[in-house]
Protein backbone atom coordinates (compact mmCIF):
# COMPACT_ATOMS: atom_id res chain seq x y z
CA MET A 1 -26.21 1.44 -16.45
CA ALA A 2 -28.33 -1.34 -16.27
CA LEU A 3 -30.71 -1.65 -13.19
CA HIS A 4 -31.85 -3.90 -11.19
CA THR A 5 -34.64 -4.80 -8.64
CA VAL A 6 -34.52 -6.51 -5.18
CA LYS A 7 -37.12 -6.46 -2.62
CA VAL A 8 -36.58 -5.80 0.59
CA SER A 9 -37.60 -8.59 3.52
CA LYS A 10 -39.65 -9.15 6.15
CA ARG A 11 -35.99 -9.15 7.42
CA TYR A 12 -35.14 -6.13 5.86
CA GLN A 13 -32.54 -8.45 3.96
CA ILE A 14 -31.58 -7.96 0.28
CA ALA A 15 -30.01 -10.51 -2.19
CA VAL A 16 -27.17 -8.69 -4.45
CA PRO A 17 -27.77 -9.43 -7.67
CA HIS A 18 -25.74 -12.03 -10.27
CA VAL A 19 -24.06 -9.31 -12.62
CA ALA A 20 -23.51 -7.14 -9.12
CA ARG A 21 -22.21 -10.45 -7.28
CA GLU A 22 -19.91 -11.50 -10.57
CA GLN A 23 -18.56 -8.25 -11.56
CA LEU A 24 -17.34 -6.93 -8.40
CA ASN A 25 -16.44 -10.46 -7.70
CA ILE A 26 -18.40 -10.91 -3.60
CA GLN A 27 -18.50 -14.33 -2.60
CA SER A 28 -20.60 -15.64 -0.28
CA GLY A 29 -19.66 -14.66 3.48
CA ASP A 30 -17.91 -11.45 2.18
CA ARG A 31 -18.54 -7.94 4.15
CA LEU A 32 -19.50 -4.95 2.04
CA LEU A 33 -19.79 -1.34 3.55
CA VAL A 34 -22.96 0.24 3.03
CA ASP A 35 -22.43 4.04 2.84
CA ILE A 36 -26.13 6.46 2.22
CA GLN A 37 -25.37 9.82 0.09
CA ASP A 38 -28.01 11.61 -1.28
CA GLY A 39 -30.94 9.13 -0.63
CA MET A 40 -28.83 5.92 -1.65
CA ILE A 41 -27.15 3.20 -0.71
CA ILE A 42 -24.44 2.64 -2.22
CA LEU A 43 -22.32 -1.31 -1.18
CA LEU A 44 -19.01 -1.16 -1.48
CA PRO A 45 -17.06 -4.74 -1.05
CA LYS A 46 -15.28 -3.96 2.70
CA PRO A 47 -11.21 -4.08 1.19
CA GLU A 48 -9.22 -6.94 3.01
CA ASN A 49 -6.52 -4.02 3.83
CA TYR A 50 -6.47 -1.13 3.47
CA THR A 51 -4.05 0.11 3.40
CA LYS A 52 -3.18 -1.48 -0.02
CA GLN A 53 -6.48 -0.66 -0.85
CA LEU A 54 -5.74 2.63 -0.66
CA ALA A 55 -2.20 2.81 -1.80
CA GLY A 56 -1.40 4.99 -4.85
CA MET A 57 -4.49 6.89 -4.40
CA HIS A 58 -4.72 10.09 -6.13
CA LYS A 59 -0.79 9.91 -7.06
CA GLU A 60 -1.38 12.68 -10.09
CA ILE A 61 -1.62 14.92 -7.22
CA TRP A 62 1.64 15.09 -6.52
CA GLU A 63 2.81 15.03 -9.40
CA ARG A 64 4.50 17.97 -9.42
CA ILE A 65 5.63 18.71 -6.08
CA GLU A 66 8.56 19.00 -4.41
CA PRO A 67 8.21 17.31 -1.30
CA ASN A 68 11.16 19.82 0.26
CA GLU A 69 9.69 22.51 -0.80
CA TYR A 70 6.20 21.25 -0.02
CA LEU A 71 7.37 20.83 3.43
CA GLU A 72 8.21 24.42 3.83
CA THR A 73 6.24 25.45 2.97
CA GLU A 74 4.08 24.63 5.33
CA ARG A 75 6.44 24.44 8.71
CA GLN A 76 6.26 28.23 7.98
CA ALA A 77 2.04 28.24 7.32
CA TRP A 78 1.71 26.36 10.86
CA GLU A 79 4.89 28.81 12.00
CA LYS A 80 3.30 31.72 10.90
CA SER A 81 -0.54 30.08 12.56
CA THR A 82 1.57 30.49 15.46
CA ASN A 83 2.50 34.02 16.14
CA ASP A 84 -0.10 34.91 14.95
């Protein structure tokens, strides 16, 4: 992991290093999401469409689960919690 240094300007701005722009295909005018985690600033390219970006994520979680059986289990748990 190569670290790159950026300087914070008087207006609290930074320039995204060339290597990061190239690897993430960041263009002038693109918007970035800013996340703060454990004392770190994380910049992420803002997706044009969140639905397309998230489609198929973590599909491996559902590979061995039969949908109707899962729904029935959830319904029973919900009904039990409302009757208690």
